[in-house]
PDB file of N, CA and C in Angstrom:
ATOM      1  N   MET A   1     -50.764-208.209  24.751  1.00  0.00           N
ATOM      2  CA  MET A   1     -50.850-207.425  25.962  1.00  0.00           C
ATOM      3  C   MET A   1     -49.852-206.277  25.926  1.00  0.00           C
ATOM      4  N   VAL A   2     -50.149-205.229  26.628  1.00  0.00           N
ATOM      5  CA  VAL A   2     -49.279-204.063  26.709  1.00  0.00           C
ATOM      6  C   VAL A   2     -48.024-204.438  27.489  1.00  0.00           C
ATOM      7  N   SER A   3     -46.883-204.193  26.900  1.00  0.00           N
ATOM      8  CA  SER A   3     -45.614-204.431  27.584  1.00  0.00           C
ATOM      9  C   SER A   3     -45.274-203.200  28.396  1.00  0.00           C
ATOM     10  N   THR A   4     -44.822-203.419  29.640  1.00  0.00           N
ATOM     11  CA  THR A   4     -44.517-202.274  30.493  1.00  0.00           C
ATOM     12  C   THR A   4     -43.235-201.579  30.056  1.00  0.00           C
ATOM     13  N   SER A   5     -42.419-202.229  29.240  1.00  0.00           N
ATOM     14  CA  SER A   5     -41.153-201.620  28.847  1.00  0.00           C
ATOM     15  C   SER A   5     -41.248-200.802  27.562  1.00  0.00           C
ATOM     16  N   LYS A   6     -42.161-201.140  26.679  1.00  0.00           N
ATOM     17  CA  LYS A   6     -42.202-200.461  25.381  1.00  0.00           C
ATOM     18  C   LYS A   6     -43.630-200.044  25.034  1.00  0.00           C
ATOM     19  N   LYS A   7     -44.080-198.959  25.650  1.00  0.00           N
ATOM     20  CA  LYS A   7     -45.427-198.463  25.391  1.00  0.00           C
ATOM     21  C   LYS A   7     -45.367-197.400  24.299  1.00  0.00           C
ATOM     22  N   PRO A   8     -46.412-197.316  23.481  1.00  0.00           N
ATOM     23  CA  PRO A   8     -46.432-196.290  22.437  1.00  0.00           C
ATOM     24  C   PRO A   8     -46.389-194.889  23.030  1.00  0.00           C
ATOM     25  N   TYR A   9     -45.706-193.999  22.337  1.00  0.00           N
ATOM     26  CA  TYR A   9     -45.632-192.601  22.767  1.00  0.00           C
ATOM     27  C   TYR A   9     -46.961-191.901  22.500  1.00  0.00           C
ATOM     28  N   SER A  10     -47.598-192.253  21.394  1.00  0.00           N
ATOM     29  CA  SER A  10     -48.871-191.647  21.009  1.00  0.00           C
ATOM     30  C   SER A  10     -49.984-192.133  21.939  1.00  0.00           C
ATOM     31  N   LEU A  11     -50.681-191.204  22.572  1.00  0.00           N
ATOM     32  CA  LEU A  11     -51.776-191.583  23.460  1.00  0.00           C
ATOM     33  C   LEU A  11     -52.922-192.209  22.670  1.00  0.00           C
ATOM     34  N   GLU A  12     -53.104-191.775  21.443  1.00  0.00           N
ATOM     35  CA  GLU A  12     -54.135-192.371  20.601  1.00  0.00           C
ATOM     36  C   GLU A  12     -53.826-193.855  20.372  1.00  0.00           C
ATOM     37  N   GLU A  13     -52.589-194.158  20.078  1.00  0.00           N
ATOM     38  CA  GLU A  13     -52.170-195.542  19.863  1.00  0.00           C
ATOM     39  C   GLU A  13     -52.243-196.339  21.179  1.00  0.00           C
ATOM     40  N   ARG A  14     -51.844-195.703  22.252  1.00  0.00           N
ATOM     41  CA  ARG A  14     -51.843-196.373  23.554  1.00  0.00           C
ATOM     42  C   ARG A  14     -53.262-196.711  24.006  1.00  0.00           C
ATOM     43  N   THR A  15     -54.205-195.809  23.795  1.00  0.00           N
ATOM     44  CA  THR A  15     -55.588-196.090  24.175  1.00  0.00           C
ATOM     45  C   THR A  15     -56.188-197.178  23.281  1.00  0.00           C
ATOM     46  N   TYR A  16     -55.770-197.191  22.016  1.00  0.00           N
ATOM     47  CA  TYR A  16     -56.211-198.260  21.107  1.00  0.00           C
ATOM     48  C   TYR A  16     -55.702-199.616  21.607  1.00  0.00           C
ATOM     49  N   ASP A  17     -54.419-199.679  21.938  1.00  0.00           N
ATOM     50  CA  ASP A  17     -53.824-200.925  22.437  1.00  0.00           C
ATOM     51  C   ASP A  17     -54.526-201.390  23.707  1.00  0.00           C
ATOM     52  N   PHE A  18     -54.861-200.443  24.579  1.00  0.00           N
ATOM     53  CA  PHE A  18     -55.554-200.772  25.822  1.00  0.00           C
ATOM     54  C   PHE A  18     -56.918-201.402  25.522  1.00  0.00           C
ATOM     55  N   ALA A  19     -57.691-200.783  24.646  1.00  0.00           N
ATOM     56  CA  ALA A  19     -59.017-201.308  24.296  1.00  0.00           C
ATOM     57  C   ALA A  19     -58.888-202.681  23.631  1.00  0.00           C
ATOM     58  N   ARG A  20     -57.922-202.823  22.744  1.00  0.00           N
ATOM     59  CA  ARG A  20     -57.691-204.110  22.068  1.00  0.00           C
ATOM     60  C   ARG A  20     -57.349-205.197  23.081  1.00  0.00           C
ATOM     61  N   ASP A  21     -56.441-204.892  24.014  1.00  0.00           N
ATOM     62  CA  ASP A  21     -56.009-205.884  24.991  1.00  0.00           C
ATOM     63  C   ASP A  21     -57.136-206.257  25.956  1.00  0.00           C
ATOM     64  N   CYS A  22     -58.009-205.297  26.266  1.00  0.00           N
ATOM     65  CA  CYS A  22     -59.185-205.614  27.087  1.00  0.00           C
ATOM     66  C   CYS A  22     -60.099-206.582  26.343  1.00  0.00           C
ATOM     67  N   ARG A  23     -60.235-206.407  25.046  1.00  0.00           N
ATOM     68  CA  ARG A  23     -61.060-207.306  24.240  1.00  0.00           C
ATOM     69  C   ARG A  23     -60.457-208.707  24.189  1.00  0.00           C
ATOM     70  N   PHE A  24     -59.135-208.794  24.045  1.00  0.00           N
ATOM     71  CA  PHE A  24     -58.473-210.097  24.070  1.00  0.00           C
ATOM     72  C   PHE A  24     -58.721-210.793  25.408  1.00  0.00           C
ATOM     73  N   LEU A  25     -58.637-210.036  26.490  1.00  0.00           N
ATOM     74  CA  LEU A  25     -58.874-210.593  27.817  1.00  0.00           C
ATOM     75  C   LEU A  25     -60.293-211.141  27.913  1.00  0.00           C
ATOM     76  N   VAL A  26     -61.267-210.334  27.540  1.00  0.00           N
ATOM     77  CA  VAL A  26     -62.675-210.744  27.641  1.00  0.00           C
ATOM     78  C   VAL A  26     -62.931-211.989  26.789  1.00  0.00           C
ATOM     79  N   ARG A  27     -62.341-212.034  25.626  1.00  0.00           N
ATOM     80  CA  ARG A  27     -62.503-213.191  24.734  1.00  0.00           C
ATOM     81  C   ARG A  27     -62.017-214.479  25.402  1.00  0.00           C
ATOM     82  N   ASP A  28     -60.948-214.376  26.205  1.00  0.00           N
ATOM     83  CA  ASP A  28     -60.330-215.554  26.801  1.00  0.00           C
ATOM     84  C   ASP A  28     -60.896-215.949  28.161  1.00  0.00           C
ATOM     85  N   LEU A  29     -61.781-215.133  28.729  1.00  0.00           N
ATOM     86  CA  LEU A  29     -62.343-215.442  30.048  1.00  0.00           C
ATOM     87  C   LEU A  29     -63.344-216.586  29.962  1.00  0.00           C
ATOM     88  N   LYS A  30     -63.461-217.315  31.067  1.00  0.00           N
ATOM     89  CA  LYS A  30     -64.474-218.345  31.198  1.00  0.00           C
ATOM     90  C   LYS A  30     -65.846-217.681  31.059  1.00  0.00           C
ATOM     91  N   LYS A  31     -66.768-218.336  30.385  1.00  0.00           N
ATOM     92  CA  LYS A  31     -68.081-217.743  30.099  1.00  0.00           C
ATOM     93  C   LYS A  31     -69.068-217.938  31.252  1.00  0.00           C
ATOM     94  N   THR A  32     -68.859-217.184  32.335  1.00  0.00           N
ATOM     95  CA  THR A  32     -69.813-217.176  33.447  1.00  0.00           C
ATOM     96  C   THR A  32     -70.706-215.950  33.285  1.00  0.00           C
ATOM     97  N   ILE A  33     -71.800-215.922  34.008  1.00  0.00           N
ATOM     98  CA  ILE A  33     -72.716-214.782  33.916  1.00  0.00           C
ATOM     99  C   ILE A  33     -71.995-213.487  34.286  1.00  0.00           C
ATOM    100  N   SER A  34     -71.246-213.497  35.385  1.00  0.00           N
ATOM    101  CA  SER A  34     -70.575-212.258  35.807  1.00  0.00           C
ATOM    102  C   SER A  34     -69.469-211.863  34.830  1.00  0.00           C
ATOM    103  N   ASN A  35     -68.715-212.815  34.310  1.00  0.00           N
ATOM    104  CA  ASN A  35     -67.670-212.471  33.346  1.00  0.00           C
ATOM    105  C   ASN A  35     -68.255-211.875  32.074  1.00  0.00           C
ATOM    106  N   VAL A  36     -69.354-212.441  31.618  1.00  0.00           N
ATOM    107  CA  VAL A  36     -69.992-211.922  30.390  1.00  0.00           C
ATOM    108  C   VAL A  36     -70.483-210.496  30.620  1.00  0.00           C
ATOM    109  N   GLU A  37     -71.193-210.273  31.724  1.00  0.00           N
ATOM    110  CA  GLU A  37     -71.742-208.933  31.989  1.00  0.00           C
ATOM    111  C   GLU A  37     -70.643-207.913  32.284  1.00  0.00           C
ATOM    112  N   ASP A  38     -69.692-208.278  33.145  1.00  0.00           N
ATOM    113  CA  ASP A  38     -68.586-207.355  33.449  1.00  0.00           C
ATOM    114  C   ASP A  38     -67.708-207.145  32.219  1.00  0.00           C
ATOM    115  N   GLY A  39     -67.543-208.184  31.432  1.00  0.00           N
ATOM    116  CA  GLY A  39     -66.760-208.079  30.196  1.00  0.00           C
ATOM    117  C   GLY A  39     -67.387-207.110  29.205  1.00  0.00           C
ATOM    118  N   LYS A  40     -68.707-207.148  29.087  1.00  0.00           N
ATOM    119  CA  LYS A  40     -69.401-206.199  28.201  1.00  0.00           C
ATOM    120  C   LYS A  40     -69.129-204.764  28.639  1.00  0.00           C
ATOM    121  N   GLN A  41     -69.215-204.542  29.945  1.00  0.00           N
ATOM    122  CA  GLN A  41     -68.976-203.195  30.473  1.00  0.00           C
ATOM    123  C   GLN A  41     -67.536-202.763  30.212  1.00  0.00           C
ATOM    124  N   LEU A  42     -66.593-203.687  30.391  1.00  0.00           N
ATOM    125  CA  LEU A  42     -65.184-203.382  30.148  1.00  0.00           C
ATOM    126  C   LEU A  42     -64.937-203.057  28.682  1.00  0.00           C
ATOM    127  N   VAL A  43     -65.544-203.814  27.791  1.00  0.00           N
ATOM    128  CA  VAL A  43     -65.386-203.549  26.352  1.00  0.00           C
ATOM    129  C   VAL A  43     -65.886-202.145  26.025  1.00  0.00           C
ATOM    130  N   ARG A  44     -67.031-201.777  26.574  1.00  0.00           N
ATOM    131  CA  ARG A  44     -67.590-200.440  26.309  1.00  0.00           C
ATOM    132  C   ARG A  44     -66.699-199.327  26.863  1.00  0.00           C
ATOM    133  N   SER A  45     -66.337-199.447  28.138  1.00  0.00           N
ATOM    134  CA  SER A  45     -65.579-198.356  28.767  1.00  0.00           C
ATOM    135  C   SER A  45     -64.167-198.247  28.198  1.00  0.00           C
ATOM    136  N   SER A  46     -63.511-199.381  27.938  1.00  0.00           N
ATOM    137  CA  SER A  46     -62.137-199.323  27.412  1.00  0.00           C
ATOM    138  C   SER A  46     -62.105-198.726  26.009  1.00  0.00           C
ATOM    139  N   GLY A  47     -63.106-199.033  25.202  1.00  0.00           N
ATOM    140  CA  GLY A  47     -63.180-198.441  23.858  1.00  0.00           C
ATOM    141  C   GLY A  47     -63.501-196.963  23.905  1.00  0.00           C
ATOM    142  N   SER A  48     -64.275-196.572  24.895  1.00  0.00           N
ATOM    143  CA  SER A  48     -64.676-195.177  25.031  1.00  0.00           C
ATOM    144  C   SER A  48     -63.504-194.271  25.432  1.00  0.00           C
ATOM    145  N   VAL A  49     -62.509-194.830  26.114  1.00  0.00           N
ATOM    146  CA  VAL A  49     -61.333-194.034  26.497  1.00  0.00           C
ATOM    147  C   VAL A  49     -60.706-193.429  25.239  1.00  0.00           C
ATOM    148  N   GLY A  50     -60.373-194.275  24.288  1.00  0.00           N
ATOM    149  CA  GLY A  50     -59.730-193.807  23.057  1.00  0.00           C
ATOM    150  C   GLY A  50     -60.664-193.021  22.160  1.00  0.00           C
ATOM    151  N   ALA A  51     -61.906-193.452  22.077  1.00  0.00           N
ATOM    152  CA  ALA A  51     -62.861-192.758  21.207  1.00  0.00           C
ATOM    153  C   ALA A  51     -63.050-191.305  21.645  1.00  0.00           C
ATOM    154  N   ASN A  52     -63.176-191.086  22.936  1.00  0.00           N
ATOM    155  CA  ASN A  52     -63.340-189.714  23.432  1.00  0.00           C
ATOM    156  C   ASN A  52     -62.051-188.913  23.317  1.00  0.00           C
ATOM    157  N   TYR A  53     -60.917-189.567  23.473  1.00  0.00           N
ATOM    158  CA  TYR A  53     -59.642-188.874  23.286  1.00  0.00           C
ATOM    159  C   TYR A  53     -59.521-188.388  21.835  1.00  0.00           C
ATOM    160  N   ILE A  54     -59.847-189.250  20.885  1.00  0.00           N
ATOM    161  CA  ILE A  54     -59.787-188.884  19.467  1.00  0.00           C
ATOM    162  C   ILE A  54     -60.768-187.755  19.174  1.00  0.00           C
ATOM    163  N   GLU A  55     -61.981-187.876  19.712  1.00  0.00           N
ATOM    164  CA  GLU A  55     -62.981-186.820  19.519  1.00  0.00           C
ATOM    165  C   GLU A  55     -62.500-185.494  20.085  1.00  0.00           C
ATOM    166  N   GLY A  56     -61.857-185.551  21.235  1.00  0.00           N
ATOM    167  CA  GLY A  56     -61.334-184.341  21.856  1.00  0.00           C
ATOM    168  C   GLY A  56     -60.274-183.667  21.008  1.00  0.00           C
ATOM    169  N   ASN A  57     -59.480-184.467  20.330  1.00  0.00           N
ATOM    170  CA  ASN A  57     -58.437-183.903  19.465  1.00  0.00           C
ATOM    171  C   ASN A  57     -59.019-183.232  18.225  1.00  0.00           C
ATOM    172  N   GLU A  58     -60.244-183.559  17.895  1.00  0.00           N
ATOM    173  CA  GLU A  58     -60.949-182.907  16.791  1.00  0.00           C
ATOM    174  C   GLU A  58     -61.894-181.860  17.376  1.00  0.00           C
ATOM    175  N   LYS A  59     -61.392-181.166  18.360  1.00  0.00           N
ATOM    176  CA  LYS A  59     -62.206-180.279  19.194  1.00  0.00           C
ATOM    177  C   LYS A  59     -62.906-179.171  18.416  1.00  0.00           C
ATOM    178  N   LEU A  60     -63.985-178.754  19.018  1.00  0.00           N
ATOM    179  CA  LEU A  60     -64.733-177.622  18.494  1.00  0.00           C
ATOM    180  C   LEU A  60     -64.344-176.349  19.232  1.00  0.00           C
ATOM    181  N   GLY A  61     -63.559-176.504  20.274  1.00  0.00           N
ATOM    182  CA  GLY A  61     -63.108-175.380  21.092  1.00  0.00           C
ATOM    183  C   GLY A  61     -62.469-175.930  22.352  1.00  0.00           C
ATOM    184  N   ASP A  62     -61.929-175.044  23.164  1.00  0.00           N
ATOM    185  CA  ASP A  62     -61.235-175.471  24.379  1.00  0.00           C
ATOM    186  C   ASP A  62     -62.165-176.165  25.375  1.00  0.00           C
ATOM    187  N   LYS A  63     -63.402-175.664  25.477  1.00  0.00           N
ATOM    188  CA  LYS A  63     -64.358-176.293  26.391  1.00  0.00           C
ATOM    189  C   LYS A  63     -64.658-177.725  25.953  1.00  0.00           C
ATOM    190  N   ASP A  64     -64.827-177.933  24.649  1.00  0.00           N
ATOM    191  CA  ASP A  64     -65.100-179.269  24.116  1.00  0.00           C
ATOM    192  C   ASP A  64     -63.914-180.198  24.362  1.00  0.00           C
ATOM    193  N   LEU A  65     -62.699-179.712  24.161  1.00  0.00           N
ATOM    194  CA  LEU A  65     -61.500-180.519  24.388  1.00  0.00           C
ATOM    195  C   LEU A  65     -61.439-180.976  25.845  1.00  0.00           C
ATOM    196  N   LYS A  66     -61.636-180.048  26.766  1.00  0.00           N
ATOM    197  CA  LYS A  66     -61.579-180.377  28.192  1.00  0.00           C
ATOM    198  C   LYS A  66     -62.687-181.359  28.568  1.00  0.00           C
ATOM    199  N   PHE A  67     -63.878-181.156  28.030  1.00  0.00           N
ATOM    200  CA  PHE A  67     -65.015-182.037  28.287  1.00  0.00           C
ATOM    201  C   PHE A  67     -64.707-183.463  27.825  1.00  0.00           C
ATOM    202  N   ARG A  68     -64.181-183.595  26.618  1.00  0.00           N
ATOM    203  CA  ARG A  68     -63.863-184.930  26.061  1.00  0.00           C
ATOM    204  C   ARG A  68     -62.751-185.606  26.853  1.00  0.00           C
ATOM    205  N   MET A  69     -61.759-184.851  27.279  1.00  0.00           N
ATOM    206  CA  MET A  69     -60.668-185.423  28.069  1.00  0.00           C
ATOM    207  C   MET A  69     -61.188-185.914  29.421  1.00  0.00           C
ATOM    208  N   LYS A  70     -62.145-185.171  29.986  1.00  0.00           N
ATOM    209  CA  LYS A  70     -62.731-185.592  31.263  1.00  0.00           C
ATOM    210  C   LYS A  70     -63.543-186.874  31.095  1.00  0.00           C
ATOM    211  N   ILE A  71     -64.276-186.977  30.000  1.00  0.00           N
ATOM    212  CA  ILE A  71     -65.026-188.209  29.730  1.00  0.00           C
ATOM    213  C   ILE A  71     -64.052-189.369  29.537  1.00  0.00           C
ATOM    214  N   SER A  72     -63.011-189.144  28.781  1.00  0.00           N
ATOM    215  CA  SER A  72     -62.011-190.184  28.550  1.00  0.00           C
ATOM    216  C   SER A  72     -61.393-190.649  29.867  1.00  0.00           C
ATOM    217  N   ARG A  73     -61.070-189.705  30.738  1.00  0.00           N
ATOM    218  CA  ARG A  73     -60.506-190.037  32.050  1.00  0.00           C
ATOM    219  C   ARG A  73     -61.510-190.842  32.879  1.00  0.00           C
ATOM    220  N   LYS A  74     -62.772-190.429  32.838  1.00  0.00           N
ATOM    221  CA  LYS A  74     -63.827-191.137  33.569  1.00  0.00           C
ATOM    222  C   LYS A  74     -63.950-192.582  33.077  1.00  0.00           C
ATOM    223  N   GLU A  75     -63.859-192.774  31.782  1.00  0.00           N
ATOM    224  CA  GLU A  75     -63.964-194.115  31.205  1.00  0.00           C
ATOM    225  C   GLU A  75     -62.747-194.976  31.563  1.00  0.00           C
ATOM    226  N   ALA A  76     -61.575-194.363  31.686  1.00  0.00           N
ATOM    227  CA  ALA A  76     -60.383-195.102  32.115  1.00  0.00           C
ATOM    228  C   ALA A  76     -60.565-195.586  33.546  1.00  0.00           C
ATOM    229  N   LYS A  77     -61.120-194.716  34.376  1.00  0.00           N
ATOM    230  CA  LYS A  77     -61.370-195.085  35.775  1.00  0.00           C
ATOM    231  C   LYS A  77     -62.424-196.188  35.852  1.00  0.00           C
ATOM    232  N   GLU A  78     -63.447-196.103  35.027  1.00  0.00           N
ATOM    233  CA  GLU A  78     -64.478-197.131  34.987  1.00  0.00           C
ATOM    234  C   GLU A  78     -63.889-198.462  34.513  1.00  0.00           C
ATOM    235  N   SER A  79     -63.026-198.411  33.521  1.00  0.00           N
ATOM    236  CA  SER A  79     -62.375-199.634  33.035  1.00  0.00           C
ATOM    237  C   SER A  79     -61.586-200.307  34.152  1.00  0.00           C
ATOM    238  N   GLU A  80     -60.894-199.484  34.932  1.00  0.00           N
ATOM    239  CA  GLU A  80     -60.135-200.006  36.062  1.00  0.00           C
ATOM    240  C   GLU A  80     -61.069-200.725  37.049  1.00  0.00           C
ATOM    241  N   TYR A  81     -62.230-200.175  37.272  1.00  0.00           N
ATOM    242  CA  TYR A  81     -63.229-200.781  38.161  1.00  0.00           C
ATOM    243  C   TYR A  81     -63.638-202.170  37.663  1.00  0.00           C
ATOM    244  N   TRP A  82     -63.991-202.270  36.374  1.00  0.00           N
ATOM    245  CA  TRP A  82     -64.425-203.557  35.819  1.00  0.00           C
ATOM    246  C   TRP A  82     -63.280-204.568  35.840  1.00  0.00           C
ATOM    247  N   LEU A  83     -62.077-204.107  35.582  1.00  0.00           N
ATOM    248  CA  LEU A  83     -60.923-205.005  35.633  1.00  0.00           C
ATOM    249  C   LEU A  83     -60.712-205.553  37.045  1.00  0.00           C
ATOM    250  N   LYS A  84     -60.884-204.720  38.047  1.00  0.00           N
ATOM    251  CA  LYS A  84     -60.730-205.177  39.434  1.00  0.00           C
ATOM    252  C   LYS A  84     -61.778-206.235  39.775  1.00  0.00           C
ATOM    253  N   LEU A  85     -63.001-206.031  39.322  1.00  0.00           N
ATOM    254  CA  LEU A  85     -64.038-207.040  39.555  1.00  0.00           C
ATOM    255  C   LEU A  85     -63.696-208.352  38.859  1.00  0.00           C
ATOM    256  N   LEU A  86     -63.243-208.263  37.616  1.00  0.00           N
ATOM    257  CA  LEU A  86     -62.882-209.468  36.869  1.00  0.00           C
ATOM    258  C   LEU A  86     -61.702-210.195  37.510  1.00  0.00           C
ATOM    259  N   LYS A  87     -60.769-209.445  38.069  1.00  0.00           N
ATOM    260  CA  LYS A  87     -59.592-210.047  38.703  1.00  0.00           C
ATOM    261  C   LYS A  87     -59.986-210.924  39.880  1.00  0.00           C
ATOM    262  N   GLU A  88     -60.982-210.493  40.628  1.00  0.00           N
ATOM    263  CA  GLU A  88     -61.418-211.238  41.818  1.00  0.00           C
ATOM    264  C   GLU A  88     -61.908-212.648  41.480  1.00  0.00           C
ATOM    265  N   LEU A  89     -62.504-212.824  40.317  1.00  0.00           N
ATOM    266  CA  LEU A  89     -63.124-214.107  39.968  1.00  0.00           C
ATOM    267  C   LEU A  89     -62.371-214.890  38.889  1.00  0.00           C
ATOM    268  N   ASN A  90     -61.207-214.396  38.498  1.00  0.00           N
ATOM    269  CA  ASN A  90     -60.469-215.034  37.410  1.00  0.00           C
ATOM    270  C   ASN A  90     -58.989-215.147  37.756  1.00  0.00           C
ATOM    271  N   GLU A  91     -58.700-216.060  38.678  1.00  0.00           N
ATOM    272  CA  GLU A  91     -57.325-216.202  39.166  1.00  0.00           C
ATOM    273  C   GLU A  91     -56.343-216.563  38.054  1.00  0.00           C
ATOM    274  N   LYS A  92     -56.787-217.346  37.072  1.00  0.00           N
ATOM    275  CA  LYS A  92     -55.895-217.761  35.975  1.00  0.00           C
ATOM    276  C   LYS A  92     -55.436-216.566  35.133  1.00  0.00           C
ATOM    277  N   GLU A  93     -56.241-215.535  35.080  1.00  0.00           N
ATOM    278  CA  GLU A  93     -55.944-214.355  34.264  1.00  0.00           C
ATOM    279  C   GLU A  93     -55.430-213.188  35.102  1.00  0.00           C
ATOM    280  N   GLU A  94     -55.136-213.435  36.371  1.00  0.00           N
ATOM    281  CA  GLU A  94     -54.805-212.362  37.305  1.00  0.00           C
ATOM    282  C   GLU A  94     -53.633-211.497  36.836  1.00  0.00           C
ATOM    283  N   GLU A  95     -52.575-212.093  36.316  1.00  0.00           N
ATOM    284  CA  GLU A  95     -51.409-211.309  35.886  1.00  0.00           C
ATOM    285  C   GLU A  95     -51.741-210.408  34.706  1.00  0.00           C
ATOM    286  N   LYS A  96     -52.478-210.927  33.724  1.00  0.00           N
ATOM    287  CA  LYS A  96     -52.907-210.118  32.566  1.00  0.00           C
ATOM    288  C   LYS A  96     -53.766-208.938  33.032  1.00  0.00           C
ATOM    289  N   ILE A  97     -54.662-209.233  33.963  1.00  0.00           N
ATOM    290  CA  ILE A  97     -55.575-208.197  34.450  1.00  0.00           C
ATOM    291  C   ILE A  97     -54.809-207.132  35.232  1.00  0.00           C
ATOM    292  N   LYS A  98     -53.834-207.546  36.037  1.00  0.00           N
ATOM    293  CA  LYS A  98     -53.026-206.578  36.789  1.00  0.00           C
ATOM    294  C   LYS A  98     -52.327-205.606  35.843  1.00  0.00           C
ATOM    295  N   VAL A  99     -51.786-206.113  34.735  1.00  0.00           N
ATOM    296  CA  VAL A  99     -51.113-205.258  33.748  1.00  0.00           C
ATOM    297  C   VAL A  99     -52.100-204.248  33.172  1.00  0.00           C
ATOM    298  N   LEU A 100     -53.322-204.694  32.887  1.00  0.00           N
ATOM    299  CA  LEU A 100     -54.344-203.793  32.337  1.00  0.00           C
ATOM    300  C   LEU A 100     -54.811-202.769  33.369  1.00  0.00           C
ATOM    301  N   ILE A 101     -54.875-203.152  34.628  1.00  0.00           N
ATOM    302  CA  ILE A 101     -55.243-202.200  35.680  1.00  0.00           C
ATOM    303  C   ILE A 101     -54.182-201.109  35.770  1.00  0.00           C
ATOM    304  N   ILE A 102     -52.924-201.496  35.712  1.00  0.00           N
ATOM    305  CA  ILE A 102     -51.824-200.517  35.747  1.00  0.00           C
ATOM    306  C   ILE A 102     -51.929-199.582  34.546  1.00  0.00           C
ATOM    307  N   GLU A 103     -52.203-200.143  33.376  1.00  0.00           N
ATOM    308  CA  GLU A 103     -52.310-199.321  32.164  1.00  0.00           C
ATOM    309  C   GLU A 103     -53.488-198.353  32.251  1.00  0.00           C
ATOM    310  N   ALA A 104     -54.633-198.815  32.745  1.00  0.00           N
ATOM    311  CA  ALA A 104     -55.801-197.929  32.906  1.00  0.00           C
ATOM    312  C   ALA A 104     -55.459-196.778  33.839  1.00  0.00           C
ATOM    313  N   ASN A 105     -54.754-197.081  34.905  1.00  0.00           N
ATOM    314  CA  ASN A 105     -54.369-196.060  35.876  1.00  0.00           C
ATOM    315  C   ASN A 105     -53.374-195.069  35.265  1.00  0.00           C
ATOM    316  N   GLU A 106     -52.417-195.550  34.502  1.00  0.00           N
ATOM    317  CA  GLU A 106     -51.446-194.651  33.863  1.00  0.00           C
ATOM    318  C   GLU A 106     -52.116-193.751  32.831  1.00  0.00           C
ATOM    319  N   ILE A 107     -53.021-194.308  32.040  1.00  0.00           N
ATOM    320  CA  ILE A 107     -53.754-193.504  31.056  1.00  0.00           C
ATOM    321  C   ILE A 107     -54.573-192.433  31.778  1.00  0.00           C
ATOM    322  N   ARG A 108     -55.221-192.813  32.876  1.00  0.00           N
ATOM    323  CA  ARG A 108     -56.006-191.847  33.658  1.00  0.00           C
ATOM    324  C   ARG A 108     -55.132-190.706  34.163  1.00  0.00           C
ATOM    325  N   LYS A 109     -53.942-191.026  34.631  1.00  0.00           N
ATOM    326  CA  LYS A 109     -53.025-189.990  35.125  1.00  0.00           C
ATOM    327  C   LYS A 109     -52.552-189.072  34.002  1.00  0.00           C
ATOM    328  N   ILE A 110     -52.289-189.629  32.834  1.00  0.00           N
ATOM    329  CA  ILE A 110     -51.889-188.813  31.678  1.00  0.00           C
ATOM    330  C   ILE A 110     -53.020-187.861  31.310  1.00  0.00           C
ATOM    331  N   LEU A 111     -54.248-188.387  31.278  1.00  0.00           N
ATOM    332  CA  LEU A 111     -55.395-187.540  30.952  1.00  0.00           C
ATOM    333  C   LEU A 111     -55.605-186.460  31.996  1.00  0.00           C
ATOM    334  N   SER A 112     -55.385-186.774  33.257  1.00  0.00           N
ATOM    335  CA  SER A 112     -55.481-185.763  34.320  1.00  0.00           C
ATOM    336  C   SER A 112     -54.471-184.649  34.108  1.00  0.00           C
ATOM    337  N   ALA A 113     -53.260-185.017  33.713  1.00  0.00           N
ATOM    338  CA  ALA A 113     -52.230-184.013  33.447  1.00  0.00           C
ATOM    339  C   ALA A 113     -52.630-183.115  32.286  1.00  0.00           C
ATOM    340  N   ILE A 114     -53.215-183.715  31.252  1.00  0.00           N
ATOM    341  CA  ILE A 114     -53.683-182.921  30.104  1.00  0.00           C
ATOM    342  C   ILE A 114     -54.780-181.953  30.536  1.00  0.00           C
ATOM    343  N   ILE A 115     -55.730-182.449  31.326  1.00  0.00           N
ATOM    344  CA  ILE A 115     -56.849-181.625  31.799  1.00  0.00           C
ATOM    345  C   ILE A 115     -56.320-180.474  32.649  1.00  0.00           C
ATOM    346  N   ASN A 116     -55.382-180.747  33.516  1.00  0.00           N
ATOM    347  CA  ASN A 116     -54.829-179.703  34.394  1.00  0.00           C
ATOM    348  C   ASN A 116     -54.084-178.624  33.620  1.00  0.00           C
ATOM    349  N   LYS A 117     -53.553-178.978  32.457  1.00  0.00           N
ATOM    350  CA  LYS A 117     -52.834-177.983  31.646  1.00  0.00           C
ATOM    351  C   LYS A 117     -53.773-177.132  30.796  1.00  0.00           C
ATOM    352  N   LEU A 118     -55.018-177.582  30.645  1.00  0.00           N
ATOM    353  CA  LEU A 118     -55.972-176.836  29.800  1.00  0.00           C
ATOM    354  C   LEU A 118     -56.536-175.639  30.531  1.00  0.00           C
TER     355      LEU A 118
END
């Protein structure tokens, strides 16, 4: 899990850690219909945060960079949504999920700052 005291400076590394930790969470959840379906969505959106960030860094131009950063930010917000749903039905994992919600929100804010500077 992401430690709140020692986060990677590299956003590429940080988004990777976020996607990895979301996968660890989904792997450990009880296998209910809602956990499986919400978990699939979380796996997709959390992985897309970093994938779009990396794609944006290999930009074809300023418009492409801004577009990719906006998609990445959107996926971070979506990940936060799925995490909130999972938190409601998984009390045993509540602390892990809270940490991931905070991380999704921080990544979203960093991406917003990048977008505003473009």
